PDB file of N, CA and C in Angstrom:
ATOM      1  N   MET A   1      92.917  82.545 123.184  1.00  0.00           N
ATOM      2  CA  MET A   1      93.412  83.635 122.359  1.00  0.00           C
ATOM      3  C   MET A   1      92.851  84.946 122.916  1.00  0.00           C
ATOM      4  N   GLU A   2      93.707  85.910 123.097  1.00  0.00           N
ATOM      5  CA  GLU A   2      93.250  87.181 123.624  1.00  0.00           C
ATOM      6  C   GLU A   2      92.338  87.872 122.622  1.00  0.00           C
ATOM      7  N   HIS A   3      91.536  88.816 123.120  1.00  0.00           N
ATOM      8  CA  HIS A   3      90.525  89.473 122.287  1.00  0.00           C
ATOM      9  C   HIS A   3      91.122  90.171 121.065  1.00  0.00           C
ATOM     10  N   ALA A   4      92.201  90.926 121.273  1.00  0.00           N
ATOM     11  CA  ALA A   4      92.811  91.664 120.152  1.00  0.00           C
ATOM     12  C   ALA A   4      93.280  90.716 119.052  1.00  0.00           C
ATOM     13  N   ALA A   5      93.894  89.603 119.458  1.00  0.00           N
ATOM     14  CA  ALA A   5      94.369  88.636 118.468  1.00  0.00           C
ATOM     15  C   ALA A   5      93.193  87.979 117.750  1.00  0.00           C
ATOM     16  N   ALA A   6      92.122  87.681 118.488  1.00  0.00           N
ATOM     17  CA  ALA A   6      90.937  87.084 117.871  1.00  0.00           C
ATOM     18  C   ALA A   6      90.305  88.072 116.890  1.00  0.00           C
ATOM     19  N   ASP A   7      90.217  89.339 117.282  1.00  0.00           N
ATOM     20  CA  ASP A   7      89.669  90.379 116.412  1.00  0.00           C
ATOM     21  C   ASP A   7      90.500  90.504 115.137  1.00  0.00           C
ATOM     22  N   LEU A   8      91.815  90.467 115.282  1.00  0.00           N
ATOM     23  CA  LEU A   8      92.702  90.548 114.120  1.00  0.00           C
ATOM     24  C   LEU A   8      92.425  89.401 113.156  1.00  0.00           C
ATOM     25  N   GLN A   9      92.270  88.194 113.688  1.00  0.00           N
ATOM     26  CA  GLN A   9      92.029  87.036 112.820  1.00  0.00           C
ATOM     27  C   GLN A   9      90.690  87.147 112.101  1.00  0.00           C
ATOM     28  N   VAL A  10      89.681  87.696 112.780  1.00  0.00           N
ATOM     29  CA  VAL A  10      88.369  87.884 112.148  1.00  0.00           C
ATOM     30  C   VAL A  10      88.476  88.916 111.028  1.00  0.00           C
ATOM     31  N   ARG A  11      89.154  90.035 111.298  1.00  0.00           N
ATOM     32  CA  ARG A  11      89.322  91.073 110.276  1.00  0.00           C
ATOM     33  C   ARG A  11      90.131  90.541 109.097  1.00  0.00           C
ATOM     34  N   TRP A  12      91.143  89.705 109.389  1.00  0.00           N
ATOM     35  CA  TRP A  12      91.963  89.111 108.324  1.00  0.00           C
ATOM     36  C   TRP A  12      91.122  88.196 107.444  1.00  0.00           C
ATOM     37  N   LEU A  13      90.285  87.379 108.063  1.00  0.00           N
ATOM     38  CA  LEU A  13      89.427  86.464 107.312  1.00  0.00           C
ATOM     39  C   LEU A  13      88.448  87.249 106.442  1.00  0.00           C
ATOM     40  N   LYS A  14      87.880  88.318 106.993  1.00  0.00           N
ATOM     41  CA  LYS A  14      86.950  89.148 106.214  1.00  0.00           C
ATOM     42  C   LYS A  14      87.651  89.760 105.000  1.00  0.00           C
ATOM     43  N   LEU A  15      88.891  90.199 105.179  1.00  0.00           N
ATOM     44  CA  LEU A  15      89.652  90.736 104.053  1.00  0.00           C
ATOM     45  C   LEU A  15      89.844  89.667 102.986  1.00  0.00           C
ATOM     46  N   ARG A  16      90.247  88.469 103.402  1.00  0.00           N
ATOM     47  CA  ARG A  16      90.476  87.391 102.439  1.00  0.00           C
ATOM     48  C   ARG A  16      89.193  87.037 101.688  1.00  0.00           C
ATOM     49  N   ILE A  17      88.057  87.050 102.380  1.00  0.00           N
ATOM     50  CA  ILE A  17      86.775  86.760 101.735  1.00  0.00           C
ATOM     51  C   ILE A  17      86.441  87.857 100.726  1.00  0.00           C
ATOM     52  N   LYS A  18      86.677  89.105 101.098  1.00  0.00           N
ATOM     53  CA  LYS A  18      86.412  90.220 100.179  1.00  0.00           C
ATOM     54  C   LYS A  18      87.320  90.128  98.951  1.00  0.00           C
ATOM     55  N   LEU A  19      88.575  89.740  99.157  1.00  0.00           N
ATOM     56  CA  LEU A  19      89.482  89.561  98.017  1.00  0.00           C
ATOM     57  C   LEU A  19      89.006  88.415  97.125  1.00  0.00           C
ATOM     58  N   LYS A  20      88.457  87.368  97.730  1.00  0.00           N
ATOM     59  CA  LYS A  20      87.926  86.249  96.947  1.00  0.00           C
ATOM     60  C   LYS A  20      86.762  86.721  96.089  1.00  0.00           C
ATOM     61  N   GLU A  21      85.889  87.548  96.676  1.00  0.00           N
ATOM     62  CA  GLU A  21      84.755  88.080  95.914  1.00  0.00           C
ATOM     63  C   GLU A  21      85.252  88.921  94.736  1.00  0.00           C
ATOM     64  N   ARG A  22      86.334  89.649  94.937  1.00  0.00           N
ATOM     65  CA  ARG A  22      86.849  90.569  93.917  1.00  0.00           C
ATOM     66  C   ARG A  22      87.681  89.848  92.865  1.00  0.00           C
ATOM     67  N   PHE A  23      88.515  88.880  93.287  1.00  0.00           N
ATOM     68  CA  PHE A  23      89.478  88.271  92.363  1.00  0.00           C
ATOM     69  C   PHE A  23      89.246  86.790  92.091  1.00  0.00           C
ATOM     70  N   GLY A  24      88.284  86.182  92.801  1.00  0.00           N
ATOM     71  CA  GLY A  24      87.983  84.779  92.556  1.00  0.00           C
ATOM     72  C   GLY A  24      88.891  83.803  93.282  1.00  0.00           C
ATOM     73  N   ILE A  25      89.805  84.323  94.110  1.00  0.00           N
ATOM     74  CA  ILE A  25      90.670  83.467  94.916  1.00  0.00           C
ATOM     75  C   ILE A  25      90.682  84.010  96.336  1.00  0.00           C
ATOM     76  N   LYS A  26      90.860  83.116  97.295  1.00  0.00           N
ATOM     77  CA  LYS A  26      90.978  83.546  98.688  1.00  0.00           C
ATOM     78  C   LYS A  26      92.453  83.409  99.049  1.00  0.00           C
ATOM     79  N   PRO A  27      93.225  84.485  98.864  1.00  0.00           N
ATOM     80  CA  PRO A  27      94.678  84.387  98.985  1.00  0.00           C
ATOM     81  C   PRO A  27      95.169  84.194 100.412  1.00  0.00           C
ATOM     82  N   ASP A  28      96.280  83.484 100.526  1.00  0.00           N
ATOM     83  CA  ASP A  28      96.973  83.383 101.806  1.00  0.00           C
ATOM     84  C   ASP A  28      97.834  84.633 101.953  1.00  0.00           C
ATOM     85  N   MET A  29      98.649  84.678 102.985  1.00  0.00           N
ATOM     86  CA  MET A  29      99.488  85.857 103.245  1.00  0.00           C
ATOM     87  C   MET A  29     100.327  86.226 102.019  1.00  0.00           C
ATOM     88  N   ASN A  30     100.993  85.238 101.417  1.00  0.00           N
ATOM     89  CA  ASN A  30     101.834  85.530 100.248  1.00  0.00           C
ATOM     90  C   ASN A  30     101.006  86.066  99.084  1.00  0.00           C
ATOM     91  N   GLY A  31      99.818  85.509  98.903  1.00  0.00           N
ATOM     92  CA  GLY A  31      98.942  85.975  97.832  1.00  0.00           C
ATOM     93  C   GLY A  31      98.496  87.408  98.048  1.00  0.00           C
ATOM     94  N   VAL A  32      98.178  87.757  99.294  1.00  0.00           N
ATOM     95  CA  VAL A  32      97.771  89.124  99.614  1.00  0.00           C
ATOM     96  C   VAL A  32      98.944  90.074  99.368  1.00  0.00           C
ATOM     97  N   LEU A  33     100.136  89.672  99.805  1.00  0.00           N
ATOM     98  CA  LEU A  33     101.320  90.507  99.578  1.00  0.00           C
ATOM     99  C   LEU A  33     101.589  90.680  98.084  1.00  0.00           C
ATOM    100  N   LEU A  34     101.391  89.621  97.317  1.00  0.00           N
ATOM    101  CA  LEU A  34     101.592  89.704  95.868  1.00  0.00           C
ATOM    102  C   LEU A  34     100.611  90.702  95.244  1.00  0.00           C
ATOM    103  N   LEU A  35      99.346  90.663  95.675  1.00  0.00           N
ATOM    104  CA  LEU A  35      98.353  91.616  95.171  1.00  0.00           C
ATOM    105  C   LEU A  35      98.755  93.058  95.487  1.00  0.00           C
ATOM    106  N   ILE A  36      99.221  93.287  96.712  1.00  0.00           N
ATOM    107  CA  ILE A  36      99.649  94.635  97.099  1.00  0.00           C
ATOM    108  C   ILE A  36     100.847  95.055  96.253  1.00  0.00           C
ATOM    109  N   GLY A  37     101.797  94.150  96.070  1.00  0.00           N
ATOM    110  CA  GLY A  37     102.975  94.463  95.264  1.00  0.00           C
ATOM    111  C   GLY A  37     102.610  94.838  93.839  1.00  0.00           C
ATOM    112  N   ILE A  38     101.690  94.091  93.237  1.00  0.00           N
ATOM    113  CA  ILE A  38     101.246  94.386  91.872  1.00  0.00           C
ATOM    114  C   ILE A  38     100.557  95.750  91.837  1.00  0.00           C
ATOM    115  N   GLN A  39      99.736  96.012  92.847  1.00  0.00           N
ATOM    116  CA  GLN A  39      99.052  97.306  92.944  1.00  0.00           C
ATOM    117  C   GLN A  39     100.070  98.446  93.041  1.00  0.00           C
ATOM    118  N   GLU A  40     101.079  98.263  93.879  1.00  0.00           N
ATOM    119  CA  GLU A  40     102.074  99.319  94.084  1.00  0.00           C
ATOM    120  C   GLU A  40     102.981  99.495  92.866  1.00  0.00           C
ATOM    121  N   LEU A  41     103.232  98.421  92.144  1.00  0.00           N
ATOM    122  CA  LEU A  41     104.030  98.520  90.922  1.00  0.00           C
ATOM    123  C   LEU A  41     103.292  99.376  89.893  1.00  0.00           C
ATOM    124  N   GLY A  42     101.964  99.194  89.853  1.00  0.00           N
ATOM    125  CA  GLY A  42     101.131 100.050  89.012  1.00  0.00           C
ATOM    126  C   GLY A  42     101.238  99.802  87.521  1.00  0.00           C
ATOM    127  N   GLN A  43     101.685  98.631  87.123  1.00  0.00           N
ATOM    128  CA  GLN A  43     101.822  98.314  85.694  1.00  0.00           C
ATOM    129  C   GLN A  43     100.749  97.351  85.207  1.00  0.00           C
ATOM    130  N   GLY A  44      99.747  97.100  86.050  1.00  0.00           N
ATOM    131  CA  GLY A  44      98.646  96.226  85.663  1.00  0.00           C
ATOM    132  C   GLY A  44      99.016  94.761  85.740  1.00  0.00           C
ATOM    133  N   PRO A  45      98.007  93.895  85.531  1.00  0.00           N
ATOM    134  CA  PRO A  45      98.248  92.455  85.584  1.00  0.00           C
ATOM    135  C   PRO A  45      99.145  92.011  84.439  1.00  0.00           C
ATOM    136  N   GLN A  46     100.054  91.128  84.734  1.00  0.00           N
ATOM    137  CA  GLN A  46     100.952  90.576  83.721  1.00  0.00           C
ATOM    138  C   GLN A  46     101.581  89.307  84.286  1.00  0.00           C
ATOM    139  N   GLU A  47     102.323  88.618  83.459  1.00  0.00           N
ATOM    140  CA  GLU A  47     103.037  87.432  83.919  1.00  0.00           C
ATOM    141  C   GLU A  47     104.326  87.877  84.607  1.00  0.00           C
ATOM    142  N   PHE A  48     104.559  87.333  85.793  1.00  0.00           N
ATOM    143  CA  PHE A  48     105.781  87.650  86.527  1.00  0.00           C
ATOM    144  C   PHE A  48     106.577  86.376  86.757  1.00  0.00           C
ATOM    145  N   SER A  49     107.893  86.507  86.708  1.00  0.00           N
ATOM    146  CA  SER A  49     108.762  85.372  87.027  1.00  0.00           C
ATOM    147  C   SER A  49     108.716  85.132  88.530  1.00  0.00           C
ATOM    148  N   LYS A  50     109.240  83.984  88.956  1.00  0.00           N
ATOM    149  CA  LYS A  50     109.286  83.676  90.380  1.00  0.00           C
ATOM    150  C   LYS A  50     110.064  84.758  91.136  1.00  0.00           C
ATOM    151  N   GLU A  51     111.170  85.195  90.566  1.00  0.00           N
ATOM    152  CA  GLU A  51     111.977  86.231  91.209  1.00  0.00           C
ATOM    153  C   GLU A  51     111.216  87.552  91.287  1.00  0.00           C
ATOM    154  N   GLN A  52     110.505  87.891  90.218  1.00  0.00           N
ATOM    155  CA  GLN A  52     109.713  89.117  90.235  1.00  0.00           C
ATOM    156  C   GLN A  52     108.605  89.045  91.281  1.00  0.00           C
ATOM    157  N   LYS A  53     107.996  87.872  91.438  1.00  0.00           N
ATOM    158  CA  LYS A  53     106.950  87.706  92.454  1.00  0.00           C
ATOM    159  C   LYS A  53     107.537  87.917  93.850  1.00  0.00           C
ATOM    160  N   GLN A  54     108.748  87.413  94.084  1.00  0.00           N
ATOM    161  CA  GLN A  54     109.408  87.639  95.368  1.00  0.00           C
ATOM    162  C   GLN A  54     109.681  89.128  95.568  1.00  0.00           C
ATOM    163  N   ASP A  55     110.109  89.804  94.511  1.00  0.00           N
ATOM    164  CA  ASP A  55     110.351  91.245  94.580  1.00  0.00           C
ATOM    165  C   ASP A  55     109.055  91.999  94.869  1.00  0.00           C
ATOM    166  N   LEU A  56     107.959  91.574  94.244  1.00  0.00           N
ATOM    167  CA  LEU A  56     106.663  92.216  94.467  1.00  0.00           C
ATOM    168  C   LEU A  56     106.216  92.051  95.918  1.00  0.00           C
ATOM    169  N   MET A  57     106.439  90.869  96.483  1.00  0.00           N
ATOM    170  CA  MET A  57     106.069  90.644  97.889  1.00  0.00           C
ATOM    171  C   MET A  57     106.942  91.506  98.804  1.00  0.00           C
ATOM    172  N   HIS A  58     108.207  91.683  98.444  1.00  0.00           N
ATOM    173  CA  HIS A  58     109.101  92.546  99.216  1.00  0.00           C
ATOM    174  C   HIS A  58     108.617  94.001  99.153  1.00  0.00           C
ATOM    175  N   ILE A  59     108.219  94.446  97.968  1.00  0.00           N
ATOM    176  CA  ILE A  59     107.666  95.796  97.807  1.00  0.00           C
ATOM    177  C   ILE A  59     106.459  95.964  98.726  1.00  0.00           C
ATOM    178  N   ALA A  60     105.589  94.951  98.749  1.00  0.00           N
ATOM    179  CA  ALA A  60     104.378  95.013  99.573  1.00  0.00           C
ATOM    180  C   ALA A  60     104.721  95.122 101.057  1.00  0.00           C
ATOM    181  N   VAL A  61     105.658  94.310 101.511  1.00  0.00           N
ATOM    182  CA  VAL A  61     106.056  94.353 102.927  1.00  0.00           C
ATOM    183  C   VAL A  61     106.603  95.739 103.252  1.00  0.00           C
ATOM    184  N   CYS A  62     107.459  96.256 102.400  1.00  0.00           N
ATOM    185  CA  CYS A  62     108.025  97.595 102.625  1.00  0.00           C
ATOM    186  C   CYS A  62     106.925  98.648 102.646  1.00  0.00           C
ATOM    187  N   LYS A  63     105.996  98.574 101.699  1.00  0.00           N
ATOM    188  CA  LYS A  63     104.915  99.558 101.596  1.00  0.00           C
ATOM    189  C   LYS A  63     104.048  99.551 102.850  1.00  0.00           C
ATOM    190  N   VAL A  64     103.612  98.359 103.279  1.00  0.00           N
ATOM    191  CA  VAL A  64     102.705  98.320 104.431  1.00  0.00           C
ATOM    192  C   VAL A  64     103.432  98.708 105.724  1.00  0.00           C
ATOM    193  N   LEU A  65     104.704  98.350 105.846  1.00  0.00           N
ATOM    194  CA  LEU A  65     105.445  98.705 107.060  1.00  0.00           C
ATOM    195  C   LEU A  65     105.948 100.150 107.027  1.00  0.00           C
ATOM    196  N   ALA A  66     105.961 100.759 105.846  1.00  0.00           N
ATOM    197  CA  ALA A  66     106.314 102.179 105.751  1.00  0.00           C
ATOM    198  C   ALA A  66     105.275 103.033 106.475  1.00  0.00           C
ATOM    199  N   GLN A  67     104.054 102.517 106.587  1.00  0.00           N
ATOM    200  CA  GLN A  67     102.983 103.228 107.293  1.00  0.00           C
ATOM    201  C   GLN A  67     103.368 103.520 108.740  1.00  0.00           C
ATOM    202  N   SER A  68     104.214 102.683 109.310  1.00  0.00           N
ATOM    203  CA  SER A  68     104.648 102.850 110.699  1.00  0.00           C
ATOM    204  C   SER A  68     106.103 103.297 110.796  1.00  0.00           C
ATOM    205  N   GLY A  69     106.671 103.706 109.676  1.00  0.00           N
ATOM    206  CA  GLY A  69     108.015 104.265 109.694  1.00  0.00           C
ATOM    207  C   GLY A  69     109.153 103.262 109.674  1.00  0.00           C
ATOM    208  N   TYR A  70     108.862 101.988 109.366  1.00  0.00           N
ATOM    209  CA  TYR A  70     109.928 100.984 109.321  1.00  0.00           C
ATOM    210  C   TYR A  70     110.707 101.034 108.015  1.00  0.00           C
ATOM    211  N   TYR A  71     110.046 101.488 106.955  1.00  0.00           N
ATOM    212  CA  TYR A  71     110.696 101.644 105.653  1.00  0.00           C
ATOM    213  C   TYR A  71     110.362 103.020 105.091  1.00  0.00           C
ATOM    214  N   VAL A  72     111.222 103.513 104.218  1.00  0.00           N
ATOM    215  CA  VAL A  72     111.020 104.799 103.569  1.00  0.00           C
ATOM    216  C   VAL A  72     111.133 104.587 102.058  1.00  0.00           C
ATOM    217  N   TYR A  73     110.152 105.104 101.341  1.00  0.00           N
ATOM    218  CA  TYR A  73     110.152 105.026  99.884  1.00  0.00           C
ATOM    219  C   TYR A  73     111.274 105.908  99.342  1.00  0.00           C
ATOM    220  N   GLU A  74     112.108 105.330  98.481  1.00  0.00           N
ATOM    221  CA  GLU A  74     113.244 106.071  97.916  1.00  0.00           C
ATOM    222  C   GLU A  74     113.019 106.511  96.479  1.00  0.00           C
ATOM    223  N   GLY A  75     112.054 105.900  95.804  1.00  0.00           N
ATOM    224  CA  GLY A  75     111.798 106.240  94.402  1.00  0.00           C
ATOM    225  C   GLY A  75     111.758 104.972  93.553  1.00  0.00           C
ATOM    226  N   ASP A  76     111.462 105.163  92.287  1.00  0.00           N
ATOM    227  CA  ASP A  76     111.371 104.036  91.355  1.00  0.00           C
ATOM    228  C   ASP A  76     112.665 103.902  90.561  1.00  0.00           C
ATOM    229  N   ASP A  77     112.981 102.661  90.183  1.00  0.00           N
ATOM    230  CA  ASP A  77     114.145 102.446  89.322  1.00  0.00           C
ATOM    231  C   ASP A  77     113.758 102.722  87.871  1.00  0.00           C
ATOM    232  N   GLU A  78     114.686 102.493  86.952  1.00  0.00           N
ATOM    233  CA  GLU A  78     114.442 102.820  85.542  1.00  0.00           C
ATOM    234  C   GLU A  78     113.327 101.979  84.921  1.00  0.00           C
ATOM    235  N   GLU A  79     112.988 100.847  85.538  1.00  0.00           N
ATOM    236  CA  GLU A  79     111.900 100.005  85.029  1.00  0.00           C
ATOM    237  C   GLU A  79     110.574 100.298  85.727  1.00  0.00           C
ATOM    238  N   GLY A  80     110.585 101.290  86.632  1.00  0.00           N
ATOM    239  CA  GLY A  80     109.357 101.677  87.316  1.00  0.00           C
ATOM    240  C   GLY A  80     109.064 100.903  88.591  1.00  0.00           C
ATOM    241  N   TRP A  81     110.034 100.124  89.079  1.00  0.00           N
ATOM    242  CA  TRP A  81     109.839  99.352  90.297  1.00  0.00           C
ATOM    243  C   TRP A  81     110.200 100.216  91.505  1.00  0.00           C
ATOM    244  N   PRO A  82     109.281 100.296  92.500  1.00  0.00           N
ATOM    245  CA  PRO A  82     109.569 101.104  93.691  1.00  0.00           C
ATOM    246  C   PRO A  82     110.665 100.486  94.557  1.00  0.00           C
ATOM    247  N   HIS A  83     111.440 101.362  95.182  1.00  0.00           N
ATOM    248  CA  HIS A  83     112.502 100.916  96.092  1.00  0.00           C
ATOM    249  C   HIS A  83     112.345 101.596  97.435  1.00  0.00           C
ATOM    250  N   TYR A  84     112.634 100.822  98.478  1.00  0.00           N
ATOM    251  CA  TYR A  84     112.503 101.291  99.849  1.00  0.00           C
ATOM    252  C   TYR A  84     113.808 101.062 100.590  1.00  0.00           C
ATOM    253  N   ALA A  85     114.025 101.881 101.613  1.00  0.00           N
ATOM    254  CA  ALA A  85     115.170 101.696 102.506  1.00  0.00           C
ATOM    255  C   ALA A  85     114.639 101.451 103.907  1.00  0.00           C
ATOM    256  N   SER A  86     115.344 100.610 104.640  1.00  0.00           N
ATOM    257  CA  SER A  86     114.985 100.368 106.034  1.00  0.00           C
ATOM    258  C   SER A  86     115.238 101.641 106.831  1.00  0.00           C
ATOM    259  N   ALA A  87     114.228 102.073 107.601  1.00  0.00           N
ATOM    260  CA  ALA A  87     114.348 103.307 108.378  1.00  0.00           C
ATOM    261  C   ALA A  87     114.615 103.017 109.853  1.00  0.00           C
ATOM    262  N   GLN A  88     114.126 101.883 110.323  1.00  0.00           N
ATOM    263  CA  GLN A  88     114.359 101.466 111.702  1.00  0.00           C
ATOM    264  C   GLN A  88     114.182  99.960 111.777  1.00  0.00           C
ATOM    265  N   PRO A  89     114.876  99.317 112.710  1.00  0.00           N
ATOM    266  CA  PRO A  89     114.757  97.863 112.804  1.00  0.00           C
ATOM    267  C   PRO A  89     113.376  97.440 113.283  1.00  0.00           C
ATOM    268  N   LEU A  90     112.944  96.294 112.801  1.00  0.00           N
ATOM    269  CA  LEU A  90     111.672  95.738 113.252  1.00  0.00           C
ATOM    270  C   LEU A  90     111.818  95.197 114.674  1.00  0.00           C
ATOM    271  N   PRO A  91     110.736  95.219 115.440  1.00  0.00           N
ATOM    272  CA  PRO A  91     110.802  94.641 116.788  1.00  0.00           C
ATOM    273  C   PRO A  91     111.156  93.152 116.717  1.00  0.00           C
ATOM    274  N   PRO A  92     111.793  92.629 117.754  1.00  0.00           N
ATOM    275  CA  PRO A  92     112.165  91.201 117.759  1.00  0.00           C
ATOM    276  C   PRO A  92     110.948  90.327 118.073  1.00  0.00           C
ATOM    277  N   PHE A  93     110.243  89.908 117.026  1.00  0.00           N
ATOM    278  CA  PHE A  93     109.038  89.094 117.174  1.00  0.00           C
ATOM    279  C   PHE A  93     109.335  87.623 116.971  1.00  0.00           C
ATOM    280  N   ASN A  94     108.499  86.773 117.593  1.00  0.00           N
ATOM    281  CA  ASN A  94     108.496  85.373 117.185  1.00  0.00           C
ATOM    282  C   ASN A  94     107.649  85.288 115.911  1.00  0.00           C
ATOM    283  N   LEU A  95     107.574  84.122 115.312  1.00  0.00           N
ATOM    284  CA  LEU A  95     106.922  83.971 114.011  1.00  0.00           C
ATOM    285  C   LEU A  95     105.452  84.389 114.039  1.00  0.00           C
ATOM    286  N   ILE A  96     104.715  83.989 115.063  1.00  0.00           N
ATOM    287  CA  ILE A  96     103.288  84.328 115.164  1.00  0.00           C
ATOM    288  C   ILE A  96     103.119  85.837 115.331  1.00  0.00           C
ATOM    289  N   GLU A  97     103.917  86.434 116.201  1.00  0.00           N
ATOM    290  CA  GLU A  97     103.841  87.883 116.419  1.00  0.00           C
ATOM    291  C   GLU A  97     104.175  88.630 115.127  1.00  0.00           C
ATOM    292  N   GLN A  98     105.180  88.152 114.411  1.00  0.00           N
ATOM    293  CA  GLN A  98     105.590  88.778 113.150  1.00  0.00           C
ATOM    294  C   GLN A  98     104.449  88.717 112.139  1.00  0.00           C
ATOM    295  N   GLU A  99     103.804  87.558 112.039  1.00  0.00           N
ATOM    296  CA  GLU A  99     102.698  87.397 111.096  1.00  0.00           C
ATOM    297  C   GLU A  99     101.536  88.319 111.465  1.00  0.00           C
ATOM    298  N   ASN A 100     101.206  88.402 112.755  1.00  0.00           N
ATOM    299  CA  ASN A 100     100.109  89.270 113.185  1.00  0.00           C
ATOM    300  C   ASN A 100     100.442  90.745 112.975  1.00  0.00           C
ATOM    301  N   PHE A 101     101.692  91.120 113.201  1.00  0.00           N
ATOM    302  CA  PHE A 101     102.162  92.487 112.969  1.00  0.00           C
ATOM    303  C   PHE A 101     101.963  92.851 111.499  1.00  0.00           C
ATOM    304  N   LEU A 102     102.329  91.934 110.630  1.00  0.00           N
ATOM    305  CA  LEU A 102     102.177  92.147 109.192  1.00  0.00           C
ATOM    306  C   LEU A 102     100.698  92.194 108.801  1.00  0.00           C
ATOM    307  N   LYS A 103      99.898  91.287 109.342  1.00  0.00           N
ATOM    308  CA  LYS A 103      98.457  91.287 109.039  1.00  0.00           C
ATOM    309  C   LYS A 103      97.831  92.626 109.422  1.00  0.00           C
ATOM    310  N   ASP A 104      98.190  93.126 110.591  1.00  0.00           N
ATOM    311  CA  ASP A 104      97.652  94.397 111.067  1.00  0.00           C
ATOM    312  C   ASP A 104      97.991  95.520 110.095  1.00  0.00           C
ATOM    313  N   HIS A 105      99.218  95.541 109.614  1.00  0.00           N
ATOM    314  CA  HIS A 105      99.643  96.576 108.663  1.00  0.00           C
ATOM    315  C   HIS A 105      98.983  96.393 107.294  1.00  0.00           C
ATOM    316  N   ILE A 106      98.771  95.161 106.878  1.00  0.00           N
ATOM    317  CA  ILE A 106      98.080  94.896 105.614  1.00  0.00           C
ATOM    318  C   ILE A 106      96.638  95.390 105.701  1.00  0.00           C
ATOM    319  N   LEU A 107      95.980  95.110 106.819  1.00  0.00           N
ATOM    320  CA  LEU A 107      94.605  95.575 107.006  1.00  0.00           C
ATOM    321  C   LEU A 107      94.544  97.101 106.971  1.00  0.00           C
ATOM    322  N   LEU A 108      95.510  97.761 107.598  1.00  0.00           N
ATOM    323  CA  LEU A 108      95.584  99.219 107.578  1.00  0.00           C
ATOM    324  C   LEU A 108      95.754  99.726 106.136  1.00  0.00           C
ATOM    325  N   TYR A 109      96.595  99.052 105.377  1.00  0.00           N
ATOM    326  CA  TYR A 109      96.809  99.412 103.963  1.00  0.00           C
ATOM    327  C   TYR A 109      95.485  99.363 103.191  1.00  0.00           C
ATOM    328  N   PHE A 110      94.730  98.279 103.368  1.00  0.00           N
ATOM    329  CA  PHE A 110      93.468  98.138 102.635  1.00  0.00           C
ATOM    330  C   PHE A 110      92.430  99.145 103.121  1.00  0.00           C
ATOM    331  N   GLN A 111      92.465  99.501 104.406  1.00  0.00           N
ATOM    332  CA  GLN A 111      91.571 100.548 104.919  1.00  0.00           C
ATOM    333  C   GLN A 111      91.922 101.890 104.284  1.00  0.00           C
ATOM    334  N   GLN A 112      93.200 102.232 104.273  1.00  0.00           N
ATOM    335  CA  GLN A 112      93.626 103.522 103.751  1.00  0.00           C
ATOM    336  C   GLN A 112      93.376 103.650 102.250  1.00  0.00           C
ATOM    337  N   ASN A 113      93.285 102.510 101.575  1.00  0.00           N
ATOM    338  CA  ASN A 113      93.006 102.528 100.143  1.00  0.00           C
ATOM    339  C   ASN A 113      91.515 102.333  99.834  1.00  0.00           C
ATOM    340  N   GLY A 114      90.687 102.369 100.891  1.00  0.00           N
ATOM    341  CA  GLY A 114      89.245 102.325 100.724  1.00  0.00           C
ATOM    342  C   GLY A 114      88.670 100.981 100.324  1.00  0.00           C
ATOM    343  N   PHE A 115      89.449  99.923 100.475  1.00  0.00           N
ATOM    344  CA  PHE A 115      88.960  98.591 100.075  1.00  0.00           C
ATOM    345  C   PHE A 115      88.118  97.963 101.177  1.00  0.00           C
ATOM    346  N   ILE A 116      88.456  98.258 102.447  1.00  0.00           N
ATOM    347  CA  ILE A 116      87.695  97.745 103.580  1.00  0.00           C
ATOM    348  C   ILE A 116      87.396  98.894 104.536  1.00  0.00           C
ATOM    349  N   GLU A 117      86.372  98.695 105.354  1.00  0.00           N
ATOM    350  CA  GLU A 117      85.998  99.694 106.358  1.00  0.00           C
ATOM    351  C   GLU A 117      86.966  99.625 107.541  1.00  0.00           C
ATOM    352  N   PRO A 118      87.222 100.779 108.164  1.00  0.00           N
ATOM    353  CA  PRO A 118      88.091 100.771 109.361  1.00  0.00           C
ATOM    354  C   PRO A 118      87.449 100.022 110.516  1.00  0.00           C
TER     355      PRO A 118
END
């Protein structure tokens, strides 16, 4: 594994451990995206349906990739849910590259929100 990829995995693991300390669970990728989605929704913890959880994960993906200009925030709907539009196509990644690309953006999100050190 190249150094950058190894470093990314170490930073990802540290984030998951910090989230476990904070929330009592060590979330996988979907769990981390769900946490970001709930944070971005800004309505506090509540029960969400399966469909709402999928929507929250979509919000999270849009939010973290908006940092690099892939999505643009368009505003909230009448229920307060944020909406994004695709601004540019994502690079053609294989599954591993796509996951690492997302992890990198998630880590940047947590850095910018002061949850982890840069």
